[in-house]
């Protein structure tokens, strides 16, 4: 029993720095610069002055469902004050991501970015699939969550506008 308790304590202490480094609500959002599936360079700073809704996605059904929820937000709030981006954080090829996007029930009308070097995954310490981030107009993370519906996203974002 004593050996188990010591092991758990050492394990917790050894990995604490990794847990402490997770950007959370109230932290400044780490910068990123990625290329979209249509070849455009997109940086987080491109959206300065806007609320940014970020989806960190893989090729999976829950991520597709989250992207459809983002589409509802986009249609409700429009692009003037809210920017929406999806990021394939698993490093999949452009071809695989394009094939995946072609299977969506409707086309997403927000930039879908490729992260072949897993930089966003590493900077944001992604654990949940999908991961949703809401970043305010000053670049501060205001929310971090696993999948969440448009019915919750819209009022939260409106409060930040």
N, C-alpha and C. Protein backbone atom coordinates (compact mmCIF):
# COMPACT_ATOMS: atom_id res chain seq x y z
N UNK A 1 0.82 -1.19 0.00
CA UNK A 1 0.00 0.00 0.00
C UNK A 1 0.87 1.26 0.00
N UNK A 2 1.91 1.27 0.85
CA UNK A 2 2.79 2.42 0.94
C UNK A 2 3.56 2.63 -0.37
N UNK A 3 4.00 1.51 -1.00
CA UNK A 3 4.71 1.61 -2.27
C UNK A 3 3.81 2.18 -3.37
N UNK A 4 2.55 1.79 -3.36
CA UNK A 4 1.59 2.30 -4.35
C UNK A 4 1.41 3.80 -4.18
N UNK A 5 1.27 4.26 -2.95
CA UNK A 5 1.08 5.69 -2.68
C UNK A 5 2.30 6.48 -3.12
N UNK A 6 3.49 5.95 -2.86
CA UNK A 6 4.71 6.64 -3.26
C UNK A 6 4.81 6.69 -4.78
N UNK A 7 4.47 5.58 -5.45
CA UNK A 7 4.49 5.55 -6.92
C UNK A 7 3.54 6.61 -7.50
N UNK A 8 2.34 6.69 -6.97
CA UNK A 8 1.36 7.67 -7.47
C UNK A 8 1.87 9.08 -7.25
N UNK A 9 2.44 9.36 -6.09
CA UNK A 9 2.97 10.69 -5.81
C UNK A 9 4.11 11.03 -6.76
N UNK A 10 5.04 10.12 -6.96
CA UNK A 10 6.15 10.38 -7.88
C UNK A 10 5.67 10.54 -9.32
N UNK A 11 4.72 9.71 -9.72
CA UNK A 11 4.15 9.80 -11.07
C UNK A 11 3.51 11.17 -11.27
N UNK A 12 2.73 11.62 -10.30
CA UNK A 12 2.05 12.91 -10.37
C UNK A 12 3.05 14.05 -10.45
N UNK A 13 4.07 14.02 -9.61
CA UNK A 13 5.08 15.08 -9.61
C UNK A 13 5.89 15.10 -10.90
N UNK A 14 6.19 13.93 -11.42
CA UNK A 14 6.98 13.84 -12.65
C UNK A 14 6.25 14.44 -13.83
N UNK A 15 4.94 14.32 -13.87
CA UNK A 15 4.18 14.79 -15.02
C UNK A 15 3.46 16.11 -14.77
N UNK A 16 3.65 16.70 -13.63
CA UNK A 16 2.98 17.96 -13.33
C UNK A 16 3.33 19.07 -14.32
N UNK A 17 4.60 19.24 -14.73
CA UNK A 17 4.89 20.32 -15.67
C UNK A 17 4.09 20.21 -16.96
N UNK A 18 3.86 18.99 -17.46
CA UNK A 18 3.06 18.84 -18.68
C UNK A 18 1.62 19.27 -18.45
N UNK A 19 1.07 18.93 -17.29
CA UNK A 19 -0.30 19.34 -16.99
C UNK A 19 -0.39 20.85 -16.80
N UNK A 20 0.64 21.42 -16.16
CA UNK A 20 0.62 22.85 -15.86
C UNK A 20 0.73 23.68 -17.14
N UNK A 21 1.31 23.13 -18.20
CA UNK A 21 1.55 23.87 -19.43
C UNK A 21 0.33 23.97 -20.34
N UNK A 22 -0.77 23.33 -20.00
CA UNK A 22 -1.96 23.35 -20.84
C UNK A 22 -2.56 24.75 -20.85
N UNK A 23 -2.63 25.41 -22.02
CA UNK A 23 -3.29 26.72 -22.06
C UNK A 23 -4.77 26.55 -21.72
N UNK A 24 -5.24 27.39 -20.80
CA UNK A 24 -6.61 27.27 -20.31
C UNK A 24 -7.28 28.64 -20.34
N UNK A 25 -8.54 28.68 -19.99
CA UNK A 25 -9.28 29.93 -19.96
C UNK A 25 -8.53 30.94 -19.10
N UNK A 26 -8.36 32.13 -19.66
CA UNK A 26 -7.63 33.20 -18.99
C UNK A 26 -6.21 33.37 -19.49
N UNK A 27 -5.68 32.35 -20.19
CA UNK A 27 -4.33 32.42 -20.74
C UNK A 27 -4.36 33.03 -22.13
N UNK A 28 -3.24 33.64 -22.50
CA UNK A 28 -3.11 34.13 -23.87
C UNK A 28 -3.03 32.94 -24.81
N UNK A 29 -3.73 33.01 -25.92
CA UNK A 29 -3.73 31.91 -26.89
C UNK A 29 -2.39 31.86 -27.62
N UNK A 30 -1.73 30.70 -27.64
CA UNK A 30 -0.48 30.57 -28.39
C UNK A 30 -0.69 30.85 -29.88
N UNK A 31 0.24 31.56 -30.46
CA UNK A 31 0.16 31.91 -31.88
C UNK A 31 0.33 30.66 -32.74
N UNK A 32 -0.27 30.70 -33.92
CA UNK A 32 -0.04 29.64 -34.90
C UNK A 32 -0.14 30.22 -36.30
N UNK A 33 0.51 29.54 -37.22
CA UNK A 33 0.46 29.89 -38.63
C UNK A 33 0.42 28.58 -39.40
N UNK A 34 -0.69 28.36 -40.12
CA UNK A 34 -0.89 27.10 -40.85
C UNK A 34 -1.43 27.39 -42.24
N UNK A 35 -1.42 26.39 -43.08
CA UNK A 35 -1.95 26.51 -44.43
C UNK A 35 -3.31 25.83 -44.50
N UNK A 36 -4.26 26.50 -45.15
CA UNK A 36 -5.60 25.93 -45.31
C UNK A 36 -5.60 24.90 -46.45
N UNK A 37 -6.67 24.12 -46.51
CA UNK A 37 -6.77 23.12 -47.57
C UNK A 37 -6.80 23.76 -48.95
N UNK A 38 -7.16 25.05 -49.01
CA UNK A 38 -7.15 25.73 -50.32
C UNK A 38 -5.86 26.53 -50.55
N UNK A 39 -4.83 26.27 -49.73
CA UNK A 39 -3.50 26.83 -49.97
C UNK A 39 -3.22 28.20 -49.37
N UNK A 40 -4.12 28.76 -48.61
CA UNK A 40 -3.90 30.08 -48.01
C UNK A 40 -3.22 29.95 -46.65
N UNK A 41 -2.27 30.85 -46.40
CA UNK A 41 -1.60 30.91 -45.10
C UNK A 41 -2.53 31.63 -44.13
N UNK A 42 -2.78 31.04 -42.97
CA UNK A 42 -3.68 31.60 -41.97
C UNK A 42 -2.95 31.63 -40.63
N UNK A 43 -2.98 32.79 -39.97
CA UNK A 43 -2.38 32.92 -38.65
C UNK A 43 -3.47 33.33 -37.66
N UNK A 44 -3.25 33.02 -36.41
CA UNK A 44 -4.20 33.45 -35.39
C UNK A 44 -4.30 34.97 -35.37
N UNK A 45 -3.18 35.65 -35.58
CA UNK A 45 -3.18 37.12 -35.55
C UNK A 45 -4.01 37.73 -36.68
N UNK A 46 -4.32 36.96 -37.73
CA UNK A 46 -5.20 37.46 -38.80
C UNK A 46 -6.57 37.86 -38.26
N UNK A 47 -6.94 37.30 -37.12
CA UNK A 47 -8.28 37.49 -36.58
C UNK A 47 -8.31 38.46 -35.40
N UNK A 48 -7.23 39.21 -35.21
CA UNK A 48 -7.18 40.16 -34.09
C UNK A 48 -8.37 41.10 -34.17
N UNK A 49 -9.02 41.31 -33.03
CA UNK A 49 -10.20 42.17 -32.98
C UNK A 49 -11.50 41.41 -33.13
N UNK A 50 -11.40 40.11 -33.41
CA UNK A 50 -12.59 39.26 -33.54
C UNK A 50 -12.55 38.16 -32.49
N UNK A 51 -13.70 37.65 -32.15
CA UNK A 51 -13.76 36.42 -31.36
C UNK A 51 -13.44 35.28 -32.33
N UNK A 52 -12.62 34.34 -31.88
CA UNK A 52 -12.21 33.23 -32.74
C UNK A 52 -12.68 31.92 -32.13
N UNK A 53 -13.40 31.14 -32.92
CA UNK A 53 -13.86 29.82 -32.54
C UNK A 53 -12.97 28.83 -33.27
N UNK A 54 -12.22 28.03 -32.51
CA UNK A 54 -11.25 27.09 -33.07
C UNK A 54 -11.69 25.66 -32.75
N UNK A 55 -11.68 24.83 -33.77
CA UNK A 55 -11.92 23.41 -33.58
C UNK A 55 -10.66 22.64 -33.90
N UNK A 56 -10.14 21.92 -32.93
CA UNK A 56 -9.00 21.04 -33.17
C UNK A 56 -9.56 19.66 -33.45
N UNK A 57 -9.39 19.21 -34.69
CA UNK A 57 -10.07 18.03 -35.19
C UNK A 57 -9.10 16.97 -35.70
N UNK A 58 -9.58 15.75 -35.75
CA UNK A 58 -8.96 14.64 -36.48
C UNK A 58 -9.98 14.21 -37.54
N UNK A 59 -9.71 13.13 -38.21
CA UNK A 59 -10.66 12.57 -39.16
C UNK A 59 -11.51 11.58 -38.38
N UNK A 60 -12.66 12.07 -37.90
CA UNK A 60 -13.53 11.22 -37.09
C UNK A 60 -14.95 11.78 -37.11
N UNK A 61 -15.91 10.96 -36.78
CA UNK A 61 -17.31 11.38 -36.78
C UNK A 61 -17.59 12.46 -35.74
N UNK A 62 -17.09 12.35 -34.49
CA UNK A 62 -17.35 13.44 -33.54
C UNK A 62 -16.82 14.79 -34.03
N UNK A 63 -15.70 14.78 -34.73
CA UNK A 63 -15.15 16.02 -35.27
C UNK A 63 -16.02 16.56 -36.41
N UNK A 64 -16.54 15.68 -37.24
CA UNK A 64 -17.46 16.09 -38.30
C UNK A 64 -18.70 16.72 -37.67
N UNK A 65 -19.23 16.09 -36.64
CA UNK A 65 -20.41 16.63 -35.97
C UNK A 65 -20.13 18.01 -35.37
N UNK A 66 -18.93 18.17 -34.80
CA UNK A 66 -18.57 19.48 -34.23
C UNK A 66 -18.46 20.52 -35.33
N UNK A 67 -17.90 20.15 -36.46
CA UNK A 67 -17.80 21.09 -37.58
C UNK A 67 -19.18 21.53 -38.05
N UNK A 68 -20.15 20.63 -38.01
CA UNK A 68 -21.52 20.99 -38.39
C UNK A 68 -22.12 21.96 -37.36
N UNK A 69 -21.76 21.81 -36.10
CA UNK A 69 -22.20 22.77 -35.07
C UNK A 69 -21.57 24.14 -35.31
N UNK A 70 -20.30 24.14 -35.73
CA UNK A 70 -19.63 25.40 -36.08
C UNK A 70 -20.34 26.08 -37.24
N UNK A 71 -20.81 25.31 -38.20
CA UNK A 71 -21.55 25.88 -39.33
C UNK A 71 -22.81 26.60 -38.84
N UNK A 72 -23.49 26.02 -37.87
CA UNK A 72 -24.68 26.68 -37.30
C UNK A 72 -24.30 28.01 -36.65
N UNK A 73 -23.17 28.02 -35.95
CA UNK A 73 -22.69 29.27 -35.33
C UNK A 73 -22.38 30.29 -36.42
N UNK A 74 -21.70 29.85 -37.46
CA UNK A 74 -21.33 30.76 -38.57
C UNK A 74 -22.56 31.38 -39.19
N UNK A 75 -23.59 30.56 -39.42
CA UNK A 75 -24.82 31.07 -40.04
C UNK A 75 -25.56 32.04 -39.13
N UNK A 76 -25.51 31.80 -37.83
CA UNK A 76 -26.21 32.64 -36.86
C UNK A 76 -25.47 33.96 -36.61
N UNK A 77 -24.15 33.92 -36.48
CA UNK A 77 -23.41 35.10 -36.06
C UNK A 77 -22.68 35.82 -37.19
N UNK A 78 -22.42 35.17 -38.28
CA UNK A 78 -21.76 35.81 -39.40
C UNK A 78 -20.27 36.04 -39.19
N UNK A 79 -19.56 36.39 -40.26
CA UNK A 79 -18.10 36.49 -40.21
C UNK A 79 -17.55 37.85 -39.76
N UNK A 80 -18.40 38.84 -39.57
CA UNK A 80 -17.88 40.18 -39.25
C UNK A 80 -17.21 40.27 -37.88
N UNK A 81 -17.76 39.59 -36.88
CA UNK A 81 -17.20 39.68 -35.54
C UNK A 81 -16.66 38.35 -35.02
N UNK A 82 -16.99 37.27 -35.70
CA UNK A 82 -16.56 35.94 -35.26
C UNK A 82 -15.85 35.23 -36.41
N UNK A 83 -14.63 34.77 -36.12
CA UNK A 83 -13.89 33.97 -37.09
C UNK A 83 -13.93 32.52 -36.62
N UNK A 84 -14.10 31.62 -37.54
CA UNK A 84 -14.15 30.20 -37.22
C UNK A 84 -13.09 29.49 -38.05
N UNK A 85 -12.31 28.63 -37.38
CA UNK A 85 -11.34 27.80 -38.09
C UNK A 85 -11.39 26.38 -37.55
N UNK A 86 -11.22 25.45 -38.45
CA UNK A 86 -11.04 24.05 -38.09
C UNK A 86 -9.59 23.70 -38.38
N UNK A 87 -8.99 22.92 -37.51
CA UNK A 87 -7.58 22.53 -37.70
C UNK A 87 -7.46 21.02 -37.59
N UNK A 88 -6.94 20.41 -38.64
CA UNK A 88 -6.65 18.97 -38.57
C UNK A 88 -5.33 18.82 -37.84
N UNK A 89 -5.41 18.50 -36.56
CA UNK A 89 -4.21 18.46 -35.71
C UNK A 89 -3.49 17.11 -35.73
N UNK A 90 -4.02 16.15 -36.46
CA UNK A 90 -3.39 14.82 -36.46
C UNK A 90 -2.34 14.67 -37.55
N UNK A 91 -2.12 15.71 -38.35
CA UNK A 91 -1.08 15.65 -39.36
C UNK A 91 -1.47 14.90 -40.62
N UNK A 92 -2.78 14.69 -40.84
CA UNK A 92 -3.21 13.98 -42.04
C UNK A 92 -2.87 14.78 -43.30
N UNK A 93 -2.69 14.08 -44.41
CA UNK A 93 -2.36 14.73 -45.68
C UNK A 93 -3.54 15.56 -46.18
N UNK A 94 -3.24 16.49 -47.05
CA UNK A 94 -4.29 17.32 -47.65
C UNK A 94 -5.31 16.44 -48.37
N UNK A 95 -4.84 15.41 -49.06
CA UNK A 95 -5.74 14.52 -49.79
C UNK A 95 -6.71 13.81 -48.85
N UNK A 96 -6.19 13.30 -47.73
CA UNK A 96 -7.06 12.62 -46.77
C UNK A 96 -8.07 13.59 -46.16
N UNK A 97 -7.63 14.80 -45.85
CA UNK A 97 -8.54 15.79 -45.26
C UNK A 97 -9.60 16.20 -46.28
N UNK A 98 -9.22 16.39 -47.52
CA UNK A 98 -10.18 16.77 -48.56
C UNK A 98 -11.21 15.65 -48.76
N UNK A 99 -10.75 14.40 -48.76
CA UNK A 99 -11.67 13.27 -48.88
C UNK A 99 -12.64 13.25 -47.70
N UNK A 100 -12.12 13.46 -46.52
CA UNK A 100 -12.94 13.51 -45.31
C UNK A 100 -13.98 14.64 -45.40
N UNK A 101 -13.54 15.83 -45.80
CA UNK A 101 -14.46 16.98 -45.91
C UNK A 101 -15.56 16.72 -46.94
N UNK A 102 -15.24 15.96 -47.98
CA UNK A 102 -16.24 15.66 -49.02
C UNK A 102 -17.36 14.76 -48.50
N UNK A 103 -17.14 14.11 -47.36
CA UNK A 103 -18.15 13.22 -46.77
C UNK A 103 -19.08 13.94 -45.79
N UNK A 104 -18.83 15.23 -45.53
CA UNK A 104 -19.68 15.98 -44.61
C UNK A 104 -21.08 16.12 -45.19
N UNK A 105 -22.11 16.16 -44.35
CA UNK A 105 -23.48 16.31 -44.85
C UNK A 105 -23.71 17.65 -45.55
N UNK A 106 -22.92 18.67 -45.18
CA UNK A 106 -22.94 19.94 -45.90
C UNK A 106 -21.54 20.52 -45.86
N UNK A 107 -21.25 21.35 -46.84
CA UNK A 107 -19.91 21.95 -46.96
C UNK A 107 -19.68 22.92 -45.81
N UNK A 108 -18.48 22.87 -45.22
CA UNK A 108 -18.13 23.87 -44.21
C UNK A 108 -17.64 25.12 -44.93
N UNK A 109 -18.07 26.24 -44.41
CA UNK A 109 -17.74 27.51 -45.05
C UNK A 109 -16.82 28.34 -44.15
N UNK A 110 -15.88 27.66 -43.53
CA UNK A 110 -14.86 28.33 -42.73
C UNK A 110 -13.53 27.67 -43.07
N UNK A 111 -12.41 28.37 -42.85
CA UNK A 111 -11.11 27.79 -43.20
C UNK A 111 -10.84 26.50 -42.43
N UNK A 112 -10.35 25.52 -43.14
CA UNK A 112 -9.97 24.23 -42.56
C UNK A 112 -8.48 24.10 -42.78
N UNK A 113 -7.72 24.10 -41.69
CA UNK A 113 -6.27 24.20 -41.75
C UNK A 113 -5.59 22.84 -41.54
N UNK A 114 -4.42 22.72 -42.14
CA UNK A 114 -3.60 21.51 -42.02
C UNK A 114 -2.46 21.78 -41.05
N UNK A 115 -2.16 20.82 -40.20
CA UNK A 115 -1.09 20.95 -39.21
C UNK A 115 -0.18 19.73 -39.30
N UNK A 116 0.59 19.64 -40.41
CA UNK A 116 1.41 18.44 -40.61
C UNK A 116 2.47 18.23 -39.53
N UNK A 117 2.92 19.29 -38.87
CA UNK A 117 3.95 19.16 -37.84
C UNK A 117 3.39 19.06 -36.43
N UNK A 118 2.05 18.96 -36.32
CA UNK A 118 1.38 18.84 -35.02
C UNK A 118 1.67 20.02 -34.09
N UNK A 119 1.95 21.21 -34.66
CA UNK A 119 2.34 22.35 -33.83
C UNK A 119 1.19 22.83 -32.93
N UNK A 120 -0.02 22.89 -33.46
CA UNK A 120 -1.15 23.33 -32.65
C UNK A 120 -1.46 22.29 -31.58
N UNK A 121 -1.41 21.04 -31.98
CA UNK A 121 -1.63 19.95 -31.02
C UNK A 121 -0.65 20.09 -29.84
N UNK A 122 0.60 20.40 -30.13
CA UNK A 122 1.61 20.51 -29.08
C UNK A 122 1.46 21.80 -28.28
N UNK A 123 1.22 22.92 -28.94
CA UNK A 123 1.10 24.21 -28.24
C UNK A 123 -0.11 24.25 -27.32
N UNK A 124 -1.19 23.61 -27.74
CA UNK A 124 -2.43 23.66 -26.97
C UNK A 124 -2.65 22.40 -26.13
N UNK A 125 -1.74 21.44 -26.21
CA UNK A 125 -1.81 20.19 -25.45
C UNK A 125 -3.21 19.57 -25.59
N UNK A 126 -3.52 19.20 -26.81
CA UNK A 126 -4.84 18.65 -27.10
C UNK A 126 -5.00 17.26 -26.51
N UNK A 127 -6.08 17.07 -25.75
CA UNK A 127 -6.37 15.76 -25.16
C UNK A 127 -7.71 15.23 -25.64
N UNK A 128 -8.67 16.11 -25.83
CA UNK A 128 -10.01 15.70 -26.23
C UNK A 128 -10.17 15.78 -27.73
N UNK A 129 -11.02 14.93 -28.24
CA UNK A 129 -11.29 14.92 -29.68
C UNK A 129 -12.78 15.02 -29.89
N UNK A 130 -13.31 16.09 -30.41
CA UNK A 130 -12.60 17.33 -30.75
C UNK A 130 -12.34 18.20 -29.52
N UNK A 131 -11.50 19.21 -29.71
CA UNK A 131 -11.30 20.25 -28.70
C UNK A 131 -11.79 21.56 -29.29
N UNK A 132 -12.59 22.27 -28.52
CA UNK A 132 -13.15 23.56 -28.94
C UNK A 132 -12.53 24.66 -28.08
N UNK A 133 -12.05 25.70 -28.74
CA UNK A 133 -11.50 26.86 -28.05
C UNK A 133 -12.27 28.10 -28.48
N UNK A 134 -12.53 28.98 -27.53
CA UNK A 134 -13.08 30.29 -27.85
C UNK A 134 -12.05 31.31 -27.36
N UNK A 135 -11.57 32.11 -28.30
CA UNK A 135 -10.54 33.11 -28.02
C UNK A 135 -11.18 34.49 -28.22
N UNK A 136 -11.01 35.38 -27.25
CA UNK A 136 -11.65 36.69 -27.36
C UNK A 136 -10.90 37.60 -28.32
N UNK A 137 -11.43 38.79 -28.52
CA UNK A 137 -10.88 39.73 -29.50
C UNK A 137 -9.49 40.23 -29.13
N UNK A 138 -9.06 40.00 -27.89
CA UNK A 138 -7.72 40.42 -27.45
C UNK A 138 -6.73 39.26 -27.45
N UNK A 139 -7.17 38.08 -27.88
CA UNK A 139 -6.27 36.93 -27.97
C UNK A 139 -6.18 36.09 -26.72
N UNK A 140 -7.18 36.22 -25.83
CA UNK A 140 -7.19 35.46 -24.59
C UNK A 140 -8.19 34.31 -24.71
N UNK A 141 -7.77 33.12 -24.30
CA UNK A 141 -8.67 31.97 -24.31
C UNK A 141 -9.76 32.20 -23.27
N UNK A 142 -11.01 32.13 -23.69
CA UNK A 142 -12.13 32.32 -22.78
C UNK A 142 -12.83 31.00 -22.45
N UNK A 143 -12.66 30.00 -23.30
CA UNK A 143 -13.26 28.69 -23.03
C UNK A 143 -12.47 27.62 -23.76
N UNK A 144 -12.41 26.46 -23.13
CA UNK A 144 -11.77 25.28 -23.71
C UNK A 144 -12.64 24.10 -23.32
N UNK A 145 -13.09 23.34 -24.32
CA UNK A 145 -14.05 22.29 -24.04
C UNK A 145 -13.92 21.17 -25.05
N UNK A 146 -14.33 19.96 -24.66
CA UNK A 146 -14.55 18.94 -25.70
C UNK A 146 -15.78 19.36 -26.50
N UNK A 147 -16.26 18.55 -27.39
CA UNK A 147 -17.39 18.90 -28.25
C UNK A 147 -18.51 19.63 -27.53
N UNK A 148 -19.04 20.65 -28.18
CA UNK A 148 -20.11 21.47 -27.59
C UNK A 148 -21.04 21.94 -28.72
N UNK A 149 -22.33 22.00 -28.41
CA UNK A 149 -23.32 22.35 -29.42
C UNK A 149 -23.42 23.84 -29.69
N UNK A 150 -23.95 24.17 -30.85
CA UNK A 150 -24.16 25.57 -31.24
C UNK A 150 -25.07 26.29 -30.25
N UNK A 151 -26.02 25.56 -29.65
CA UNK A 151 -26.95 26.17 -28.70
C UNK A 151 -26.23 26.69 -27.46
N UNK A 152 -25.06 26.16 -27.15
CA UNK A 152 -24.25 26.66 -26.05
C UNK A 152 -23.19 27.65 -26.54
N UNK A 153 -22.66 27.43 -27.71
CA UNK A 153 -21.63 28.30 -28.25
C UNK A 153 -22.15 29.70 -28.56
N UNK A 154 -23.31 29.78 -29.19
CA UNK A 154 -23.83 31.07 -29.64
C UNK A 154 -24.02 32.06 -28.49
N UNK A 155 -24.72 31.71 -27.40
CA UNK A 155 -24.87 32.70 -26.33
C UNK A 155 -23.55 33.06 -25.65
N UNK A 156 -22.63 32.10 -25.53
CA UNK A 156 -21.34 32.37 -24.92
C UNK A 156 -20.57 33.38 -25.77
N UNK A 157 -20.55 33.15 -27.08
CA UNK A 157 -19.84 34.06 -27.98
C UNK A 157 -20.50 35.43 -28.01
N UNK A 158 -21.82 35.48 -28.02
CA UNK A 158 -22.52 36.77 -28.03
C UNK A 158 -22.12 37.62 -26.82
N UNK A 159 -21.90 36.97 -25.68
CA UNK A 159 -21.48 37.70 -24.48
C UNK A 159 -20.10 38.31 -24.62
N UNK A 160 -19.29 37.77 -25.53
CA UNK A 160 -17.94 38.29 -25.75
C UNK A 160 -17.89 39.39 -26.81
N UNK A 161 -18.98 39.56 -27.54
CA UNK A 161 -19.00 40.56 -28.63
C UNK A 161 -19.25 41.95 -28.09
